[in-house]
PDB file of N, CA and C in Angstrom:
ATOM      1  N   MET A   1       3.293 -19.927 -21.966  1.00  0.00           N
ATOM      2  CA  MET A   1       3.279 -18.478 -21.936  1.00  0.00           C
ATOM      3  C   MET A   1       4.035 -17.916 -23.133  1.00  0.00           C
ATOM      4  N   SER A   2       3.535 -16.851 -23.714  1.00  0.00           N
ATOM      5  CA  SER A   2       4.194 -16.281 -24.886  1.00  0.00           C
ATOM      6  C   SER A   2       5.267 -15.282 -24.469  1.00  0.00           C
ATOM      7  N   ASP A   3       6.103 -14.942 -25.428  1.00  0.00           N
ATOM      8  CA  ASP A   3       7.172 -13.972 -25.174  1.00  0.00           C
ATOM      9  C   ASP A   3       6.771 -12.570 -25.606  1.00  0.00           C
ATOM     10  N   LYS A   4       5.476 -12.311 -25.694  1.00  0.00           N
ATOM     11  CA  LYS A   4       4.988 -10.995 -26.090  1.00  0.00           C
ATOM     12  C   LYS A   4       5.392  -9.952 -25.042  1.00  0.00           C
ATOM     13  N   LEU A   5       5.897  -8.812 -25.508  1.00  0.00           N
ATOM     14  CA  LEU A   5       6.295  -7.745 -24.593  1.00  0.00           C
ATOM     15  C   LEU A   5       5.073  -6.995 -24.079  1.00  0.00           C
ATOM     16  N   TRP A   6       5.047  -6.751 -22.774  1.00  0.00           N
ATOM     17  CA  TRP A   6       3.990  -5.943 -22.168  1.00  0.00           C
ATOM     18  C   TRP A   6       4.445  -4.493 -22.037  1.00  0.00           C
ATOM     19  N   PHE A   7       5.759  -4.290 -21.924  1.00  0.00           N
ATOM     20  CA  PHE A   7       6.332  -2.955 -21.747  1.00  0.00           C
ATOM     21  C   PHE A   7       7.513  -2.808 -22.692  1.00  0.00           C
ATOM     22  N   LYS A   8       7.624  -1.636 -23.318  1.00  0.00           N
ATOM     23  CA  LYS A   8       8.791  -1.373 -24.160  1.00  0.00           C
ATOM     24  C   LYS A   8       9.659  -0.338 -23.467  1.00  0.00           C
ATOM     25  N   ALA A   9      10.910  -0.330 -23.829  1.00  0.00           N
ATOM     26  CA  ALA A   9      11.843   0.625 -23.246  1.00  0.00           C
ATOM     27  C   ALA A   9      11.513   2.038 -23.721  1.00  0.00           C
ATOM     28  N   LYS A  10      11.691   3.007 -22.832  1.00  0.00           N
ATOM     29  CA  LYS A  10      11.485   4.394 -23.232  1.00  0.00           C
ATOM     30  C   LYS A  10      12.532   4.783 -24.267  1.00  0.00           C
ATOM     31  N   THR A  11      12.176   5.716 -25.134  1.00  0.00           N
ATOM     32  CA  THR A  11      13.137   6.139 -26.153  1.00  0.00           C
ATOM     33  C   THR A  11      14.176   7.093 -25.581  1.00  0.00           C
ATOM     34  N   LEU A  12      13.823   7.847 -24.577  1.00  0.00           N
ATOM     35  CA  LEU A  12      14.766   8.737 -23.896  1.00  0.00           C
ATOM     36  C   LEU A  12      14.705   8.460 -22.403  1.00  0.00           C
ATOM     37  N   GLY A  13      15.857   8.383 -21.774  1.00  0.00           N
ATOM     38  CA  GLY A  13      15.874   8.138 -20.342  1.00  0.00           C
ATOM     39  C   GLY A  13      15.849   6.653 -20.033  1.00  0.00           C
ATOM     40  N   TRP A  14      15.442   6.333 -18.802  1.00  0.00           N
ATOM     41  CA  TRP A  14      15.467   4.956 -18.329  1.00  0.00           C
ATOM     42  C   TRP A  14      14.085   4.570 -17.848  1.00  0.00           C
ATOM     43  N   GLY A  15      13.606   3.418 -18.240  1.00  0.00           N
ATOM     44  CA  GLY A  15      12.310   2.950 -17.783  1.00  0.00           C
ATOM     45  C   GLY A  15      11.516   2.293 -18.887  1.00  0.00           C
ATOM     46  N   TRP A  16      10.262   1.994 -18.570  1.00  0.00           N
ATOM     47  CA  TRP A  16       9.378   1.309 -19.503  1.00  0.00           C
ATOM     48  C   TRP A  16       8.074   2.073 -19.662  1.00  0.00           C
ATOM     49  N   VAL A  17       7.404   1.806 -20.774  1.00  0.00           N
ATOM     50  CA  VAL A  17       6.043   2.292 -21.006  1.00  0.00           C
ATOM     51  C   VAL A  17       5.222   1.101 -21.499  1.00  0.00           C
ATOM     52  N   PRO A  18       3.934   1.035 -21.133  1.00  0.00           N
ATOM     53  CA  PRO A  18       3.118  -0.088 -21.589  1.00  0.00           C
ATOM     54  C   PRO A  18       2.958  -0.069 -23.107  1.00  0.00           C
ATOM     55  N   CYS A  19       2.980  -1.253 -23.702  1.00  0.00           N
ATOM     56  CA  CYS A  19       2.814  -1.337 -25.158  1.00  0.00           C
ATOM     57  C   CYS A  19       1.791  -2.393 -25.553  1.00  0.00           C
ATOM     58  N   SER A  20       1.092  -2.967 -24.568  1.00  0.00           N
ATOM     59  CA  SER A  20       0.059  -3.963 -24.866  1.00  0.00           C
ATOM     60  C   SER A  20      -1.065  -3.820 -23.843  1.00  0.00           C
ATOM     61  N   SER A  21      -2.148  -4.504 -24.103  1.00  0.00           N
ATOM     62  CA  SER A  21      -3.278  -4.428 -23.175  1.00  0.00           C
ATOM     63  C   SER A  21      -2.902  -4.993 -21.814  1.00  0.00           C
ATOM     64  N   GLU A  22      -2.051  -6.009 -21.776  1.00  0.00           N
ATOM     65  CA  GLU A  22      -1.604  -6.553 -20.490  1.00  0.00           C
ATOM     66  C   GLU A  22      -0.799  -5.521 -19.699  1.00  0.00           C
ATOM     67  N   GLY A  23       0.049  -4.783 -20.386  1.00  0.00           N
ATOM     68  CA  GLY A  23       0.835  -3.746 -19.723  1.00  0.00           C
ATOM     69  C   GLY A  23      -0.037  -2.645 -19.157  1.00  0.00           C
ATOM     70  N   PHE A  24      -1.030  -2.218 -19.942  1.00  0.00           N
ATOM     71  CA  PHE A  24      -1.943  -1.183 -19.450  1.00  0.00           C
ATOM     72  C   PHE A  24      -2.781  -1.704 -18.292  1.00  0.00           C
ATOM     73  N   THR A  25      -3.139  -2.987 -18.316  1.00  0.00           N
ATOM     74  CA  THR A  25      -3.897  -3.586 -17.216  1.00  0.00           C
ATOM     75  C   THR A  25      -3.062  -3.610 -15.941  1.00  0.00           C
ATOM     76  N   VAL A  26      -1.807  -4.012 -16.044  1.00  0.00           N
ATOM     77  CA  VAL A  26      -0.915  -4.030 -14.887  1.00  0.00           C
ATOM     78  C   VAL A  26      -0.780  -2.620 -14.317  1.00  0.00           C
ATOM     79  N   LEU A  27      -0.589  -1.641 -15.175  1.00  0.00           N
ATOM     80  CA  LEU A  27      -0.458  -0.262 -14.712  1.00  0.00           C
ATOM     81  C   LEU A  27      -1.742   0.229 -14.052  1.00  0.00           C
ATOM     82  N   GLY A  28      -2.894  -0.130 -14.616  1.00  0.00           N
ATOM     83  CA  GLY A  28      -4.173   0.250 -14.029  1.00  0.00           C
ATOM     84  C   GLY A  28      -4.402  -0.387 -12.673  1.00  0.00           C
ATOM     85  N   VAL A  29      -4.066  -1.665 -12.548  1.00  0.00           N
ATOM     86  CA  VAL A  29      -4.197  -2.351 -11.257  1.00  0.00           C
ATOM     87  C   VAL A  29      -3.283  -1.715 -10.227  1.00  0.00           C
ATOM     88  N   TRP A  30      -2.088  -1.311 -10.629  1.00  0.00           N
ATOM     89  CA  TRP A  30      -1.155  -0.642  -9.715  1.00  0.00           C
ATOM     90  C   TRP A  30      -1.730   0.680  -9.224  1.00  0.00           C
ATOM     91  N   VAL A  31      -2.300   1.475 -10.129  1.00  0.00           N
ATOM     92  CA  VAL A  31      -2.888   2.760  -9.742  1.00  0.00           C
ATOM     93  C   VAL A  31      -4.069   2.537  -8.790  1.00  0.00           C
ATOM     94  N   ILE A  32      -4.915   1.564  -9.093  1.00  0.00           N
ATOM     95  CA  ILE A  32      -6.061   1.270  -8.222  1.00  0.00           C
ATOM     96  C   ILE A  32      -5.584   0.786  -6.854  1.00  0.00           C
ATOM     97  N   SER A  33      -4.554  -0.048  -6.826  1.00  0.00           N
ATOM     98  CA  SER A  33      -4.050  -0.537  -5.538  1.00  0.00           C
ATOM     99  C   SER A  33      -3.445   0.591  -4.713  1.00  0.00           C
ATOM    100  N   LEU A  34      -2.793   1.559  -5.376  1.00  0.00           N
ATOM    101  CA  LEU A  34      -2.286   2.724  -4.634  1.00  0.00           C
ATOM    102  C   LEU A  34      -3.440   3.524  -4.038  1.00  0.00           C
ATOM    103  N   GLY A  35      -4.508   3.709  -4.802  1.00  0.00           N
ATOM    104  CA  GLY A  35      -5.666   4.441  -4.296  1.00  0.00           C
ATOM    105  C   GLY A  35      -6.335   3.730  -3.135  1.00  0.00           C
ATOM    106  N   LEU A  36      -6.481   2.414  -3.251  1.00  0.00           N
ATOM    107  CA  LEU A  36      -7.083   1.649  -2.155  1.00  0.00           C
ATOM    108  C   LEU A  36      -6.205   1.673  -0.913  1.00  0.00           C
ATOM    109  N   SER A  37      -4.905   1.551  -1.092  1.00  0.00           N
ATOM    110  CA  SER A  37      -3.993   1.624   0.054  1.00  0.00           C
ATOM    111  C   SER A  37      -4.115   2.967   0.747  1.00  0.00           C
ATOM    112  N   ASN A  38      -4.195   4.024  -0.041  1.00  0.00           N
ATOM    113  CA  ASN A  38      -4.322   5.362   0.523  1.00  0.00           C
ATOM    114  C   ASN A  38      -5.625   5.503   1.303  1.00  0.00           C
ATOM    115  N   ALA A  39      -6.707   4.962   0.770  1.00  0.00           N
ATOM    116  CA  ALA A  39      -8.005   5.071   1.435  1.00  0.00           C
ATOM    117  C   ALA A  39      -8.077   4.221   2.699  1.00  0.00           C
ATOM    118  N   LEU A  40      -7.500   3.033   2.662  1.00  0.00           N
ATOM    119  CA  LEU A  40      -7.611   2.118   3.797  1.00  0.00           C
ATOM    120  C   LEU A  40      -6.584   2.368   4.896  1.00  0.00           C
ATOM    121  N   LEU A  41      -5.442   2.930   4.534  1.00  0.00           N
ATOM    122  CA  LEU A  41      -4.363   3.112   5.508  1.00  0.00           C
ATOM    123  C   LEU A  41      -4.079   4.584   5.782  1.00  0.00           C
ATOM    124  N   ILE A  42      -5.116   5.427   5.714  1.00  0.00           N
ATOM    125  CA  ILE A  42      -4.918   6.874   5.820  1.00  0.00           C
ATOM    126  C   ILE A  42      -4.335   7.294   7.177  1.00  0.00           C
ATOM    127  N   GLY A  43      -4.675   6.601   8.249  1.00  0.00           N
ATOM    128  CA  GLY A  43      -4.175   6.992   9.568  1.00  0.00           C
ATOM    129  C   GLY A  43      -2.939   6.240  10.008  1.00  0.00           C
ATOM    130  N   ARG A  44      -2.382   5.421   9.136  1.00  0.00           N
ATOM    131  CA  ARG A  44      -1.226   4.596   9.472  1.00  0.00           C
ATOM    132  C   ARG A  44      -0.102   4.856   8.472  1.00  0.00           C
ATOM    133  N   PRO A  45       0.680   5.901   8.698  1.00  0.00           N
ATOM    134  CA  PRO A  45       1.671   6.295   7.686  1.00  0.00           C
ATOM    135  C   PRO A  45       2.754   5.246   7.422  1.00  0.00           C
ATOM    136  N   VAL A  46       3.168   4.509   8.437  1.00  0.00           N
ATOM    137  CA  VAL A  46       4.217   3.507   8.223  1.00  0.00           C
ATOM    138  C   VAL A  46       3.685   2.377   7.334  1.00  0.00           C
ATOM    139  N   LEU A  47       2.475   1.916   7.612  1.00  0.00           N
ATOM    140  CA  LEU A  47       1.879   0.873   6.779  1.00  0.00           C
ATOM    141  C   LEU A  47       1.612   1.375   5.368  1.00  0.00           C
ATOM    142  N   LEU A  48       1.185   2.633   5.251  1.00  0.00           N
ATOM    143  CA  LEU A  48       0.921   3.208   3.928  1.00  0.00           C
ATOM    144  C   LEU A  48       2.199   3.262   3.091  1.00  0.00           C
ATOM    145  N   LEU A  49       3.262   3.765   3.672  1.00  0.00           N
ATOM    146  CA  LEU A  49       4.532   3.839   2.938  1.00  0.00           C
ATOM    147  C   LEU A  49       5.064   2.452   2.603  1.00  0.00           C
ATOM    148  N   SER A  50       4.888   1.515   3.519  1.00  0.00           N
ATOM    149  CA  SER A  50       5.316   0.136   3.262  1.00  0.00           C
ATOM    150  C   SER A  50       4.540  -0.470   2.096  1.00  0.00           C
ATOM    151  N   SER A  51       3.231  -0.254   2.084  1.00  0.00           N
ATOM    152  CA  SER A  51       2.420  -0.822   1.006  1.00  0.00           C
ATOM    153  C   SER A  51       2.761  -0.173  -0.333  1.00  0.00           C
ATOM    154  N   ILE A  52       3.007   1.132  -0.345  1.00  0.00           N
ATOM    155  CA  ILE A  52       3.405   1.819  -1.583  1.00  0.00           C
ATOM    156  C   ILE A  52       4.730   1.256  -2.091  1.00  0.00           C
ATOM    157  N   PHE A  53       5.667   1.042  -1.184  1.00  0.00           N
ATOM    158  CA  PHE A  53       6.964   0.481  -1.566  1.00  0.00           C
ATOM    159  C   PHE A  53       6.799  -0.916  -2.156  1.00  0.00           C
ATOM    160  N   ILE A  54       6.015  -1.765  -1.499  1.00  0.00           N
ATOM    161  CA  ILE A  54       5.820  -3.137  -1.960  1.00  0.00           C
ATOM    162  C   ILE A  54       5.098  -3.163  -3.306  1.00  0.00           C
ATOM    163  N   GLU A  55       4.053  -2.357  -3.449  1.00  0.00           N
ATOM    164  CA  GLU A  55       3.306  -2.312  -4.712  1.00  0.00           C
ATOM    165  C   GLU A  55       4.189  -1.846  -5.871  1.00  0.00           C
ATOM    166  N   THR A  56       5.011  -0.838  -5.609  1.00  0.00           N
ATOM    167  CA  THR A  56       5.904  -0.321  -6.651  1.00  0.00           C
ATOM    168  C   THR A  56       6.993  -1.336  -6.987  1.00  0.00           C
ATOM    169  N   ALA A  57       7.496  -2.043  -5.978  1.00  0.00           N
ATOM    170  CA  ALA A  57       8.503  -3.076  -6.229  1.00  0.00           C
ATOM    171  C   ALA A  57       7.920  -4.193  -7.095  1.00  0.00           C
ATOM    172  N   ILE A  58       6.668  -4.564  -6.838  1.00  0.00           N
ATOM    173  CA  ILE A  58       6.010  -5.591  -7.657  1.00  0.00           C
ATOM    174  C   ILE A  58       5.843  -5.094  -9.090  1.00  0.00           C
ATOM    175  N   LEU A  59       5.431  -3.822  -9.256  1.00  0.00           N
ATOM    176  CA  LEU A  59       5.294  -3.255 -10.599  1.00  0.00           C
ATOM    177  C   LEU A  59       6.633  -3.284 -11.343  1.00  0.00           C
ATOM    178  N   LEU A  60       7.703  -2.869 -10.686  1.00  0.00           N
ATOM    179  CA  LEU A  60       9.017  -2.862 -11.336  1.00  0.00           C
ATOM    180  C   LEU A  60       9.477  -4.270 -11.693  1.00  0.00           C
ATOM    181  N   PHE A  61       9.175  -5.234 -10.834  1.00  0.00           N
ATOM    182  CA  PHE A  61       9.535  -6.620 -11.125  1.00  0.00           C
ATOM    183  C   PHE A  61       8.801  -7.124 -12.367  1.00  0.00           C
ATOM    184  N   ILE A  62       7.510  -6.818 -12.457  1.00  0.00           N
ATOM    185  CA  ILE A  62       6.729  -7.230 -13.627  1.00  0.00           C
ATOM    186  C   ILE A  62       7.266  -6.542 -14.885  1.00  0.00           C
ATOM    187  N   CYS A  63       7.573  -5.248 -14.780  1.00  0.00           N
ATOM    188  CA  CYS A  63       8.139  -4.526 -15.928  1.00  0.00           C
ATOM    189  C   CYS A  63       9.461  -5.150 -16.364  1.00  0.00           C
ATOM    190  N   TYR A  64      10.285  -5.525 -15.401  1.00  0.00           N
ATOM    191  CA  TYR A  64      11.578  -6.128 -15.715  1.00  0.00           C
ATOM    192  C   TYR A  64      11.401  -7.482 -16.404  1.00  0.00           C
ATOM    193  N   LYS A  65      10.472  -8.298 -15.894  1.00  0.00           N
ATOM    194  CA  LYS A  65      10.269  -9.639 -16.444  1.00  0.00           C
ATOM    195  C   LYS A  65       9.542  -9.630 -17.787  1.00  0.00           C
ATOM    196  N   LYS A  66       8.565  -8.736 -17.966  1.00  0.00           N
ATOM    197  CA  LYS A  66       7.731  -8.752 -19.169  1.00  0.00           C
ATOM    198  C   LYS A  66       8.056  -7.611 -20.136  1.00  0.00           C
ATOM    199  N   GLY A  67       9.089  -6.835 -19.858  1.00  0.00           N
ATOM    200  CA  GLY A  67       9.469  -5.737 -20.741  1.00  0.00           C
ATOM    201  C   GLY A  67      10.765  -6.024 -21.460  1.00  0.00           C
ATOM    202  N   GLU A  68      11.063  -5.184 -22.438  1.00  0.00           N
ATOM    203  CA  GLU A  68      12.321  -5.371 -23.151  1.00  0.00           C
ATOM    204  C   GLU A  68      13.467  -4.833 -22.313  1.00  0.00           C
ATOM    205  N   GLU A  69      14.661  -5.271 -22.655  1.00  0.00           N
ATOM    206  CA  GLU A  69      15.842  -4.843 -21.922  1.00  0.00           C
ATOM    207  C   GLU A  69      16.041  -3.338 -22.104  1.00  0.00           C
ATOM    208  N   ILE A  70      16.396  -2.669 -21.023  1.00  0.00           N
ATOM    209  CA  ILE A  70      16.547  -1.218 -21.107  1.00  0.00           C
ATOM    210  C   ILE A  70      17.990  -0.811 -20.867  1.00  0.00           C
ATOM    211  N   ALA A  71      18.321   0.341 -21.383  1.00  0.00           N
ATOM    212  CA  ALA A  71      19.621   0.964 -21.163  1.00  0.00           C
ATOM    213  C   ALA A  71      19.392   2.467 -21.163  1.00  0.00           C
ATOM    214  N   TYR A  72      20.206   3.170 -20.418  1.00  0.00           N
ATOM    215  CA  TYR A  72      20.054   4.613 -20.381  1.00  0.00           C
ATOM    216  C   TYR A  72      20.440   5.193 -21.724  1.00  0.00           C
ATOM    217  N   LEU A  73      19.541   5.975 -22.295  1.00  0.00           N
ATOM    218  CA  LEU A  73      19.799   6.627 -23.571  1.00  0.00           C
ATOM    219  C   LEU A  73      19.800   8.137 -23.352  1.00  0.00           C
ATOM    220  N   PRO A  74      20.941   8.778 -23.503  1.00  0.00           N
ATOM    221  CA  PRO A  74      20.986  10.225 -23.270  1.00  0.00           C
ATOM    222  C   PRO A  74      20.211  10.985 -24.338  1.00  0.00           C
ATOM    223  N   ARG A  75      19.871  12.221 -24.016  1.00  0.00           N
ATOM    224  CA  ARG A  75      19.182  13.066 -24.982  1.00  0.00           C
ATOM    225  C   ARG A  75      20.081  13.291 -26.200  1.00  0.00           C
ATOM    226  N   LYS A  76      19.442  13.422 -27.342  1.00  0.00           N
ATOM    227  CA  LYS A  76      20.223  13.575 -28.580  1.00  0.00           C
ATOM    228  C   LYS A  76      20.906  14.931 -28.655  1.00  0.00           C
ATOM    229  N   ASN A  77      20.261  15.979 -28.159  1.00  0.00           N
ATOM    230  CA  ASN A  77      20.834  17.326 -28.207  1.00  0.00           C
ATOM    231  C   ASN A  77      21.219  17.762 -26.809  1.00  0.00           C
ATOM    232  N   SER A  78      22.278  17.187 -26.260  1.00  0.00           N
ATOM    233  CA  SER A  78      22.703  17.521 -24.912  1.00  0.00           C
ATOM    234  C   SER A  78      23.882  18.499 -24.919  1.00  0.00           C
ATOM    235  N   ASP A  79      23.965  19.337 -25.955  1.00  0.00           N
ATOM    236  CA  ASP A  79      25.075  20.287 -26.084  1.00  0.00           C
ATOM    237  C   ASP A  79      24.721  21.654 -25.512  1.00  0.00           C
ATOM    238  N   LYS A  80      24.117  21.683 -24.331  1.00  0.00           N
ATOM    239  CA  LYS A  80      23.734  22.977 -23.728  1.00  0.00           C
ATOM    240  C   LYS A  80      24.969  23.695 -23.251  1.00  0.00           C
ATOM    241  N   LYS A  81      25.016  25.000 -23.532  1.00  0.00           N
ATOM    242  CA  LYS A  81      26.155  25.812 -23.115  1.00  0.00           C
ATOM    243  C   LYS A  81      25.718  26.948 -22.246  1.00  0.00           C
TER     244      LYS A  81
END
């Protein structure tokens, strides 16, 4: 397996954004899985929320493993008065 990054750190704030075709594919599969969960579990709110939580946890795990290290970066002009 290569060490190619799928997600890069955001320039402001905390988190990742896709930077390769693999990253965009993972994000697309996540969106499709959320839609399918919503369609299939519409009358079961506990199962729906559980599936959303699990799907999002898997996405975050993949971002953590295949993305660059992140750190909170404050806004450059945070001198609001």
